[in-house]
Amino acid sequence: MKATLTSKGQITLPKKARTQIGLQTGDKLEVHVEGNEIRLVKPTKKINWEAFHDACPPRTPDDADYGKTALEIIDDMRGGPVTPEDLAPAQLITQSDE
């Protein structure tokens, strides 16, 4: 694919390239210069950890799962730990299957 540089330093990205990575009008791109190449990268969405933290208040001793590890909480939600016997044989991968 090719693009032409205008006198203002602008290019039009080919539609196939825009569609392939899901670019929309107004999207921002990161510009990386590597040697004699310019790479345009669509940045990934960043998680707002502060908002996430505010939505998940710290556990207190009054909480039923206080002091449990994440795996223990997941096991409780599942009704107990998952064992290999719980899985169908087709879902199990062993070294001999590789």
PDB file of N, CA and C in Angstrom:
ATOM      1  N   MET A   1       0.850  -1.177   0.000  1.00  0.00           N
ATOM      2  CA  MET A   1       0.000   0.000   0.000  1.00  0.00           C
ATOM      3  C   MET A   1       0.893   1.235   0.000  1.00  0.00           C
ATOM      4  N   LYS A   2       0.415   2.268  -0.633  1.00  0.00           N
ATOM      5  CA  LYS A   2       1.166   3.514  -0.713  1.00  0.00           C
ATOM      6  C   LYS A   2       0.295   4.679  -0.279  1.00  0.00           C
ATOM      7  N   ALA A   3       0.940   5.737   0.195  1.00  0.00           N
ATOM      8  CA  ALA A   3       0.265   6.979   0.541  1.00  0.00           C
ATOM      9  C   ALA A   3       1.181   8.116   0.111  1.00  0.00           C
ATOM     10  N   THR A   4       0.595   9.255  -0.237  1.00  0.00           N
ATOM     11  CA  THR A   4       1.366  10.404  -0.697  1.00  0.00           C
ATOM     12  C   THR A   4       1.371  11.487   0.374  1.00  0.00           C
ATOM     13  N   LEU A   5       2.534  12.049   0.590  1.00  0.00           N
ATOM     14  CA  LEU A   5       2.708  13.119   1.572  1.00  0.00           C
ATOM     15  C   LEU A   5       2.333  14.447   0.927  1.00  0.00           C
ATOM     16  N   THR A   6       1.456  15.220   1.599  1.00  0.00           N
ATOM     17  CA  THR A   6       1.062  16.532   1.079  1.00  0.00           C
ATOM     18  C   THR A   6       2.065  17.587   1.520  1.00  0.00           C
ATOM     19  N   SER A   7       1.913  18.811   0.989  1.00  0.00           N
ATOM     20  CA  SER A   7       2.810  19.915   1.362  1.00  0.00           C
ATOM     21  C   SER A   7       2.669  20.284   2.835  1.00  0.00           C
ATOM     22  N   LYS A   8       1.552  19.894   3.458  1.00  0.00           N
ATOM     23  CA  LYS A   8       1.337  20.163   4.888  1.00  0.00           C
ATOM     24  C   LYS A   8       1.844  19.017   5.761  1.00  0.00           C
ATOM     25  N   GLY A   9       2.462  17.996   5.153  1.00  0.00           N
ATOM     26  CA  GLY A   9       2.980  16.867   5.921  1.00  0.00           C
ATOM     27  C   GLY A   9       1.914  15.847   6.275  1.00  0.00           C
ATOM     28  N   GLN A  10       0.802  15.847   5.579  1.00  0.00           N
ATOM     29  CA  GLN A  10      -0.295  14.930   5.859  1.00  0.00           C
ATOM     30  C   GLN A  10      -0.322  13.796   4.840  1.00  0.00           C
ATOM     31  N   ILE A  11      -0.855  12.653   5.269  1.00  0.00           N
ATOM     32  CA  ILE A  11      -1.083  11.537   4.356  1.00  0.00           C
ATOM     33  C   ILE A  11      -2.505  11.038   4.571  1.00  0.00           C
ATOM     34  N   THR A  12      -3.047  10.394   3.560  1.00  0.00           N
ATOM     35  CA  THR A  12      -4.324   9.706   3.703  1.00  0.00           C
ATOM     36  C   THR A  12      -4.012   8.221   3.768  1.00  0.00           C
ATOM     37  N   LEU A  13      -4.399   7.592   4.848  1.00  0.00           N
ATOM     38  CA  LEU A  13      -4.161   6.153   4.975  1.00  0.00           C
ATOM     39  C   LEU A  13      -5.129   5.414   4.061  1.00  0.00           C
ATOM     40  N   PRO A  14      -4.658   4.419   3.334  1.00  0.00           N
ATOM     41  CA  PRO A  14      -5.552   3.656   2.470  1.00  0.00           C
ATOM     42  C   PRO A  14      -6.701   3.044   3.276  1.00  0.00           C
ATOM     43  N   LYS A  15      -7.884   3.017   2.663  1.00  0.00           N
ATOM     44  CA  LYS A  15      -9.074   2.506   3.350  1.00  0.00           C
ATOM     45  C   LYS A  15      -8.870   1.089   3.848  1.00  0.00           C
ATOM     46  N   LYS A  16      -8.194   0.253   3.062  1.00  0.00           N
ATOM     47  CA  LYS A  16      -7.955  -1.132   3.470  1.00  0.00           C
ATOM     48  C   LYS A  16      -7.176  -1.177   4.790  1.00  0.00           C
ATOM     49  N   ALA A  17      -6.176  -0.310   4.930  1.00  0.00           N
ATOM     50  CA  ALA A  17      -5.387  -0.273   6.171  1.00  0.00           C
ATOM     51  C   ALA A  17      -6.230   0.215   7.338  1.00  0.00           C
ATOM     52  N   ARG A  18      -7.034   1.249   7.103  1.00  0.00           N
ATOM     53  CA  ARG A  18      -7.893   1.781   8.181  1.00  0.00           C
ATOM     54  C   ARG A  18      -8.892   0.741   8.645  1.00  0.00           C
ATOM     55  N   THR A  19      -9.503   0.052   7.686  1.00  0.00           N
ATOM     56  CA  THR A  19     -10.509  -0.961   8.009  1.00  0.00           C
ATOM     57  C   THR A  19      -9.885  -2.141   8.731  1.00  0.00           C
ATOM     58  N   GLN A  20      -8.697  -2.534   8.292  1.00  0.00           N
ATOM     59  CA  GLN A  20      -8.045  -3.719   8.848  1.00  0.00           C
ATOM     60  C   GLN A  20      -7.793  -3.594  10.341  1.00  0.00           C
ATOM     61  N   ILE A  21      -7.463  -2.389  10.813  1.00  0.00           N
ATOM     62  CA  ILE A  21      -7.217  -2.248  12.258  1.00  0.00           C
ATOM     63  C   ILE A  21      -8.321  -1.473  12.968  1.00  0.00           C
ATOM     64  N   GLY A  22      -9.423  -1.208  12.266  1.00  0.00           N
ATOM     65  CA  GLY A  22     -10.587  -0.605  12.909  1.00  0.00           C
ATOM     66  C   GLY A  22     -10.439   0.864  13.241  1.00  0.00           C
ATOM     67  N   LEU A  23      -9.746   1.623  12.403  1.00  0.00           N
ATOM     68  CA  LEU A  23      -9.606   3.056  12.660  1.00  0.00           C
ATOM     69  C   LEU A  23     -10.892   3.788  12.307  1.00  0.00           C
ATOM     70  N   GLN A  24     -11.230   4.771  13.122  1.00  0.00           N
ATOM     71  CA  GLN A  24     -12.404   5.613  12.905  1.00  0.00           C
ATOM     72  C   GLN A  24     -11.931   7.059  12.790  1.00  0.00           C
ATOM     73  N   THR A  25     -12.730   7.901  12.188  1.00  0.00           N
ATOM     74  CA  THR A  25     -12.420   9.327  12.106  1.00  0.00           C
ATOM     75  C   THR A  25     -12.175   9.878  13.507  1.00  0.00           C
ATOM     76  N   GLY A  26     -11.086  10.600  13.669  1.00  0.00           N
ATOM     77  CA  GLY A  26     -10.760  11.200  14.960  1.00  0.00           C
ATOM     78  C   GLY A  26      -9.884  10.339  15.852  1.00  0.00           C
ATOM     79  N   ASP A  27      -9.654   9.071  15.482  1.00  0.00           N
ATOM     80  CA  ASP A  27      -8.774   8.212  16.285  1.00  0.00           C
ATOM     81  C   ASP A  27      -7.367   8.796  16.322  1.00  0.00           C
ATOM     82  N   LYS A  28      -6.699   8.642  17.432  1.00  0.00           N
ATOM     83  CA  LYS A  28      -5.317   9.074  17.595  1.00  0.00           C
ATOM     84  C   LYS A  28      -4.401   7.892  17.297  1.00  0.00           C
ATOM     85  N   LEU A  29      -3.255   8.159  16.709  1.00  0.00           N
ATOM     86  CA  LEU A  29      -2.264   7.134  16.428  1.00  0.00           C
ATOM     87  C   LEU A  29      -0.951   7.511  17.083  1.00  0.00           C
ATOM     88  N   GLU A  30      -0.219   6.518  17.552  1.00  0.00           N
ATOM     89  CA  GLU A  30       1.121   6.750  18.062  1.00  0.00           C
ATOM     90  C   GLU A  30       2.077   6.685  16.870  1.00  0.00           C
ATOM     91  N   VAL A  31       3.047   7.595  16.822  1.00  0.00           N
ATOM     92  CA  VAL A  31       4.019   7.640  15.734  1.00  0.00           C
ATOM     93  C   VAL A  31       5.368   7.205  16.286  1.00  0.00           C
ATOM     94  N   HIS A  32       5.942   6.151  15.686  1.00  0.00           N
ATOM     95  CA  HIS A  32       7.241   5.632  16.097  1.00  0.00           C
ATOM     96  C   HIS A  32       8.192   5.726  14.914  1.00  0.00           C
ATOM     97  N   VAL A  33       9.351   6.373  15.116  1.00  0.00           N
ATOM     98  CA  VAL A  33      10.366   6.458  14.071  1.00  0.00           C
ATOM     99  C   VAL A  33      11.469   5.470  14.420  1.00  0.00           C
ATOM    100  N   GLU A  34      11.723   4.563  13.493  1.00  0.00           N
ATOM    101  CA  GLU A  34      12.744   3.536  13.684  1.00  0.00           C
ATOM    102  C   GLU A  34      13.626   3.513  12.445  1.00  0.00           C
ATOM    103  N   GLY A  35      14.811   4.106  12.564  1.00  0.00           N
ATOM    104  CA  GLY A  35      15.693   4.194  11.400  1.00  0.00           C
ATOM    105  C   GLY A  35      15.031   5.058  10.341  1.00  0.00           C
ATOM    106  N   ASN A  36      14.860   4.502   9.125  1.00  0.00           N
ATOM    107  CA  ASN A  36      14.217   5.263   8.055  1.00  0.00           C
ATOM    108  C   ASN A  36      12.747   4.852   7.879  1.00  0.00           C
ATOM    109  N   GLU A  37      12.169   4.256   8.925  1.00  0.00           N
ATOM    110  CA  GLU A  37      10.770   3.834   8.878  1.00  0.00           C
ATOM    111  C   GLU A  37       9.939   4.611   9.887  1.00  0.00           C
ATOM    112  N   ILE A  38       8.703   4.858   9.539  1.00  0.00           N
ATOM    113  CA  ILE A  38       7.725   5.465  10.449  1.00  0.00           C
ATOM    114  C   ILE A  38       6.612   4.453  10.643  1.00  0.00           C
ATOM    115  N   ARG A  39       6.347   4.095  11.898  1.00  0.00           N
ATOM    116  CA  ARG A  39       5.266   3.156  12.214  1.00  0.00           C
ATOM    117  C   ARG A  39       4.147   3.929  12.892  1.00  0.00           C
ATOM    118  N   LEU A  40       2.922   3.723  12.416  1.00  0.00           N
ATOM    119  CA  LEU A  40       1.735   4.293  13.046  1.00  0.00           C
ATOM    120  C   LEU A  40       1.062   3.172  13.815  1.00  0.00           C
ATOM    121  N   VAL A  41       0.811   3.391  15.098  1.00  0.00           N
ATOM    122  CA  VAL A  41       0.256   2.344  15.954  1.00  0.00           C
ATOM    123  C   VAL A  41      -1.033   2.846  16.588  1.00  0.00           C
ATOM    124  N   LYS A  42      -2.081   2.026  16.467  1.00  0.00           N
ATOM    125  CA  LYS A  42      -3.339   2.340  17.152  1.00  0.00           C
ATOM    126  C   LYS A  42      -3.158   1.943  18.610  1.00  0.00           C
ATOM    127  N   PRO A  43      -3.192   2.913  19.527  1.00  0.00           N
ATOM    128  CA  PRO A  43      -2.996   2.562  20.932  1.00  0.00           C
ATOM    129  C   PRO A  43      -4.150   1.729  21.472  1.00  0.00           C
ATOM    130  N   THR A  44      -3.819   0.866  22.417  1.00  0.00           N
ATOM    131  CA  THR A  44      -4.849   0.071  23.066  1.00  0.00           C
ATOM    132  C   THR A  44      -5.508   0.922  24.147  1.00  0.00           C
ATOM    133  N   LYS A  45      -6.734   0.577  24.478  1.00  0.00           N
ATOM    134  CA  LYS A  45      -7.431   1.323  25.529  1.00  0.00           C
ATOM    135  C   LYS A  45      -6.784   1.007  26.864  1.00  0.00           C
ATOM    136  N   LYS A  46      -6.586   2.043  27.645  1.00  0.00           N
ATOM    137  CA  LYS A  46      -5.976   1.872  28.955  1.00  0.00           C
ATOM    138  C   LYS A  46      -7.059   1.780  30.024  1.00  0.00           C
ATOM    139  N   ILE A  47      -6.797   0.961  31.015  1.00  0.00           N
ATOM    140  CA  ILE A  47      -7.732   0.787  32.123  1.00  0.00           C
ATOM    141  C   ILE A  47      -7.525   1.926  33.122  1.00  0.00           C
ATOM    142  N   ASN A  48      -8.609   2.535  33.535  1.00  0.00           N
ATOM    143  CA  ASN A  48      -8.549   3.567  34.559  1.00  0.00           C
ATOM    144  C   ASN A  48      -8.550   2.856  35.914  1.00  0.00           C
ATOM    145  N   TRP A  49      -7.344   2.529  36.404  1.00  0.00           N
ATOM    146  CA  TRP A  49      -7.222   1.754  37.635  1.00  0.00           C
ATOM    147  C   TRP A  49      -7.769   2.498  38.844  1.00  0.00           C
ATOM    148  N   GLU A  50      -7.694   3.812  38.834  1.00  0.00           N
ATOM    149  CA  GLU A  50      -8.222   4.579  39.968  1.00  0.00           C
ATOM    150  C   GLU A  50      -9.736   4.399  40.078  1.00  0.00           C
ATOM    151  N   ALA A  51     -10.422   4.461  38.937  1.00  0.00           N
ATOM    152  CA  ALA A  51     -11.877   4.253  38.949  1.00  0.00           C
ATOM    153  C   ALA A  51     -12.199   2.815  39.336  1.00  0.00           C
ATOM    154  N   PHE A  52     -11.395   1.871  38.852  1.00  0.00           N
ATOM    155  CA  PHE A  52     -11.596   0.463  39.198  1.00  0.00           C
ATOM    156  C   PHE A  52     -11.435   0.269  40.703  1.00  0.00           C
ATOM    157  N   HIS A  53     -10.390   0.869  41.263  1.00  0.00           N
ATOM    158  CA  HIS A  53     -10.142   0.741  42.706  1.00  0.00           C
ATOM    159  C   HIS A  53     -11.291   1.337  43.510  1.00  0.00           C
ATOM    160  N   ASP A  54     -11.792   2.487  43.068  1.00  0.00           N
ATOM    161  CA  ASP A  54     -12.904   3.131  43.775  1.00  0.00           C
ATOM    162  C   ASP A  54     -14.175   2.288  43.717  1.00  0.00           C
ATOM    163  N   ALA A  55     -14.350   1.528  42.633  1.00  0.00           N
ATOM    164  CA  ALA A  55     -15.539   0.690  42.485  1.00  0.00           C
ATOM    165  C   ALA A  55     -15.444  -0.586  43.309  1.00  0.00           C
ATOM    166  N   CYS A  56     -14.244  -0.936  43.738  1.00  0.00           N
ATOM    167  CA  CYS A  56     -14.021  -2.166  44.521  1.00  0.00           C
ATOM    168  C   CYS A  56     -13.443  -1.794  45.881  1.00  0.00           C
ATOM    169  N   PRO A  57     -14.294  -1.497  46.832  1.00  0.00           N
ATOM    170  CA  PRO A  57     -13.784  -1.082  48.138  1.00  0.00           C
ATOM    171  C   PRO A  57     -13.000  -2.210  48.809  1.00  0.00           C
ATOM    172  N   PRO A  58     -12.063  -1.860  49.684  1.00  0.00           N
ATOM    173  CA  PRO A  58     -11.286  -2.893  50.368  1.00  0.00           C
ATOM    174  C   PRO A  58     -12.169  -3.802  51.214  1.00  0.00           C
ATOM    175  N   ARG A  59     -11.745  -5.040  51.376  1.00  0.00           N
ATOM    176  CA  ARG A  59     -12.487  -6.018  52.180  1.00  0.00           C
ATOM    177  C   ARG A  59     -12.328  -5.667  53.666  1.00  0.00           C
ATOM    178  N   THR A  60     -13.333  -6.005  54.435  1.00  0.00           N
ATOM    179  CA  THR A  60     -13.284  -5.779  55.879  1.00  0.00           C
ATOM    180  C   THR A  60     -13.554  -7.104  56.580  1.00  0.00           C
ATOM    181  N   PRO A  61     -13.210  -7.214  57.852  1.00  0.00           N
ATOM    182  CA  PRO A  61     -13.452  -8.467  58.574  1.00  0.00           C
ATOM    183  C   PRO A  61     -14.919  -8.901  58.582  1.00  0.00           C
ATOM    184  N   ASP A  62     -15.840  -7.991  58.308  1.00  0.00           N
ATOM    185  CA  ASP A  62     -17.260  -8.350  58.268  1.00  0.00           C
ATOM    186  C   ASP A  62     -17.652  -9.067  56.972  1.00  0.00           C
ATOM    187  N   ASP A  63     -16.812  -9.004  55.946  1.00  0.00           N
ATOM    188  CA  ASP A  63     -17.116  -9.654  54.670  1.00  0.00           C
ATOM    189  C   ASP A  63     -16.944 -11.165  54.791  1.00  0.00           C
ATOM    190  N   ALA A  64     -17.841 -11.910  54.171  1.00  0.00           N
ATOM    191  CA  ALA A  64     -17.811 -13.379  54.262  1.00  0.00           C
ATOM    192  C   ALA A  64     -16.523 -13.959  53.705  1.00  0.00           C
ATOM    193  N   ASP A  65     -15.935 -13.291  52.696  1.00  0.00           N
ATOM    194  CA  ASP A  65     -14.722 -13.837  52.086  1.00  0.00           C
ATOM    195  C   ASP A  65     -13.446 -13.142  52.555  1.00  0.00           C
ATOM    196  N   TYR A  66     -13.528 -12.421  53.660  1.00  0.00           N
ATOM    197  CA  TYR A  66     -12.354 -11.712  54.171  1.00  0.00           C
ATOM    198  C   TYR A  66     -11.233 -12.698  54.509  1.00  0.00           C
ATOM    199  N   GLY A  67     -10.029 -12.393  54.058  1.00  0.00           N
ATOM    200  CA  GLY A  67      -8.875 -13.237  54.369  1.00  0.00           C
ATOM    201  C   GLY A  67      -8.671 -14.386  53.389  1.00  0.00           C
ATOM    202  N   LYS A  68      -9.622 -14.614  52.472  1.00  0.00           N
ATOM    203  CA  LYS A  68      -9.480 -15.701  51.503  1.00  0.00           C
ATOM    204  C   LYS A  68      -8.661 -15.227  50.306  1.00  0.00           C
ATOM    205  N   THR A  69      -7.980 -16.177  49.685  1.00  0.00           N
ATOM    206  CA  THR A  69      -7.263 -15.849  48.459  1.00  0.00           C
ATOM    207  C   THR A  69      -8.260 -15.760  47.314  1.00  0.00           C
ATOM    208  N   ALA A  70      -7.826 -15.176  46.203  1.00  0.00           N
ATOM    209  CA  ALA A  70      -8.688 -15.080  45.025  1.00  0.00           C
ATOM    210  C   ALA A  70      -9.122 -16.468  44.572  1.00  0.00           C
ATOM    211  N   LEU A  71      -8.210 -17.443  44.601  1.00  0.00           N
ATOM    212  CA  LEU A  71      -8.560 -18.803  44.179  1.00  0.00           C
ATOM    213  C   LEU A  71      -9.614 -19.425  45.099  1.00  0.00           C
ATOM    214  N   GLU A  72      -9.524 -19.155  46.393  1.00  0.00           N
ATOM    215  CA  GLU A  72     -10.527 -19.676  47.326  1.00  0.00           C
ATOM    216  C   GLU A  72     -11.900 -19.059  47.060  1.00  0.00           C
ATOM    217  N   ILE A  73     -11.918 -17.770  46.739  1.00  0.00           N
ATOM    218  CA  ILE A  73     -13.189 -17.103  46.434  1.00  0.00           C
ATOM    219  C   ILE A  73     -13.783 -17.680  45.152  1.00  0.00           C
ATOM    220  N   ILE A  74     -12.946 -17.910  44.141  1.00  0.00           N
ATOM    221  CA  ILE A  74     -13.424 -18.489  42.878  1.00  0.00           C
ATOM    222  C   ILE A  74     -13.967 -19.894  43.121  1.00  0.00           C
ATOM    223  N   ASP A  75     -13.247 -20.692  43.910  1.00  0.00           N
ATOM    224  CA  ASP A  75     -13.731 -22.036  44.235  1.00  0.00           C
ATOM    225  C   ASP A  75     -15.094 -21.972  44.927  1.00  0.00           C
ATOM    226  N   ASP A  76     -15.264 -21.014  45.835  1.00  0.00           N
ATOM    227  CA  ASP A  76     -16.556 -20.852  46.520  1.00  0.00           C
ATOM    228  C   ASP A  76     -17.663 -20.529  45.519  1.00  0.00           C
ATOM    229  N   MET A  77     -17.362 -19.663  44.550  1.00  0.00           N
ATOM    230  CA  MET A  77     -18.372 -19.301  43.545  1.00  0.00           C
ATOM    231  C   MET A  77     -18.728 -20.495  42.671  1.00  0.00           C
ATOM    232  N   ARG A  78     -17.767 -21.369  42.427  1.00  0.00           N
ATOM    233  CA  ARG A  78     -18.000 -22.548  41.594  1.00  0.00           C
ATOM    234  C   ARG A  78     -18.638 -23.689  42.385  1.00  0.00           C
ATOM    235  N   GLY A  79     -18.662 -23.578  43.689  1.00  0.00           N
ATOM    236  CA  GLY A  79     -19.203 -24.654  44.514  1.00  0.00           C
ATOM    237  C   GLY A  79     -18.148 -25.668  44.901  1.00  0.00           C
ATOM    238  N   GLY A  80     -16.905 -25.297  44.815  1.00  0.00           N
ATOM    239  CA  GLY A  80     -15.795 -26.177  45.168  1.00  0.00           C
ATOM    240  C   GLY A  80     -14.717 -26.124  44.106  1.00  0.00           C
ATOM    241  N   PRO A  81     -13.555 -26.670  44.427  1.00  0.00           N
ATOM    242  CA  PRO A  81     -12.472 -26.630  43.447  1.00  0.00           C
ATOM    243  C   PRO A  81     -12.774 -27.514  42.239  1.00  0.00           C
ATOM    244  N   VAL A  82     -12.260 -27.119  41.086  1.00  0.00           N
ATOM    245  CA  VAL A  82     -12.411 -27.917  39.871  1.00  0.00           C
ATOM    246  C   VAL A  82     -11.284 -28.935  39.842  1.00  0.00           C
ATOM    247  N   THR A  83     -11.648 -30.171  39.619  1.00  0.00           N
ATOM    248  CA  THR A  83     -10.659 -31.244  39.524  1.00  0.00           C
ATOM    249  C   THR A  83     -10.636 -31.774  38.101  1.00  0.00           C
ATOM    250  N   PRO A  84      -9.588 -32.492  37.711  1.00  0.00           N
ATOM    251  CA  PRO A  84      -9.556 -33.059  36.356  1.00  0.00           C
ATOM    252  C   PRO A  84     -10.756 -33.951  36.064  1.00  0.00           C
ATOM    253  N   GLU A  85     -11.294 -34.611  37.086  1.00  0.00           N
ATOM    254  CA  GLU A  85     -12.454 -35.477  36.892  1.00  0.00           C
ATOM    255  C   GLU A  85     -13.699 -34.682  36.503  1.00  0.00           C
ATOM    256  N   ASP A  86     -13.732 -33.375  36.846  1.00  0.00           N
ATOM    257  CA  ASP A  86     -14.870 -32.530  36.508  1.00  0.00           C
ATOM    258  C   ASP A  86     -14.911 -32.177  35.028  1.00  0.00           C
ATOM    259  N   LEU A  87     -13.780 -32.289  34.358  1.00  0.00           N
ATOM    260  CA  LEU A  87     -13.689 -31.900  32.961  1.00  0.00           C
ATOM    261  C   LEU A  87     -13.931 -33.091  32.050  1.00  0.00           C
ATOM    262  N   ALA A  88     -14.502 -32.849  30.901  1.00  0.00           N
ATOM    263  CA  ALA A  88     -14.692 -33.907  29.907  1.00  0.00           C
ATOM    264  C   ALA A  88     -13.317 -34.335  29.392  1.00  0.00           C
ATOM    265  N   PRO A  89     -13.136 -35.599  29.036  1.00  0.00           N
ATOM    266  CA  PRO A  89     -11.827 -36.066  28.558  1.00  0.00           C
ATOM    267  C   PRO A  89     -11.272 -35.251  27.395  1.00  0.00           C
ATOM    268  N   ALA A  90     -12.128 -34.738  26.520  1.00  0.00           N
ATOM    269  CA  ALA A  90     -11.659 -33.967  25.365  1.00  0.00           C
ATOM    270  C   ALA A  90     -11.027 -32.643  25.790  1.00  0.00           C
ATOM    271  N   GLN A  91     -11.357 -32.147  26.986  1.00  0.00           N
ATOM    272  CA  GLN A  91     -10.819 -30.875  27.442  1.00  0.00           C
ATOM    273  C   GLN A  91      -9.466 -31.031  28.121  1.00  0.00           C
ATOM    274  N   LEU A  92      -9.108 -32.240  28.457  1.00  0.00           N
ATOM    275  CA  LEU A  92      -7.847 -32.460  29.146  1.00  0.00           C
ATOM    276  C   LEU A  92      -6.706 -32.549  28.139  1.00  0.00           C
ATOM    277  N   ILE A  93      -5.629 -31.869  28.437  1.00  0.00           N
ATOM    278  CA  ILE A  93      -4.441 -31.926  27.584  1.00  0.00           C
ATOM    279  C   ILE A  93      -3.313 -32.501  28.427  1.00  0.00           C
ATOM    280  N   THR A  94      -2.710 -33.533  27.935  1.00  0.00           N
ATOM    281  CA  THR A  94      -1.581 -34.139  28.629  1.00  0.00           C
ATOM    282  C   THR A  94      -0.364 -34.049  27.745  1.00  0.00           C
ATOM    283  N   GLN A  95       0.796 -34.325  28.314  1.00  0.00           N
ATOM    284  CA  GLN A  95       2.027 -34.274  27.523  1.00  0.00           C
ATOM    285  C   GLN A  95       2.008 -35.268  26.380  1.00  0.00           C
ATOM    286  N   SER A  96       1.340 -36.398  26.563  1.00  0.00           N
ATOM    287  CA  SER A  96       1.306 -37.398  25.505  1.00  0.00           C
ATOM    288  C   SER A  96       0.449 -36.960  24.321  1.00  0.00           C
ATOM    289  N   ASP A  97      -0.435 -35.937  24.503  1.00  0.00           N
ATOM    290  CA  ASP A  97      -1.280 -35.456  23.421  1.00  0.00           C
ATOM    291  C   ASP A  97      -0.538 -34.466  22.506  1.00  0.00           C
ATOM    292  N   GLU A  98       0.596 -33.962  22.951  1.00  0.00           N
ATOM    293  CA  GLU A  98       1.296 -32.937  22.177  1.00  0.00           C
ATOM    294  C   GLU A  98       1.992 -33.522  20.979  1.00  0.00           C
TER     295      GLU A  98
END
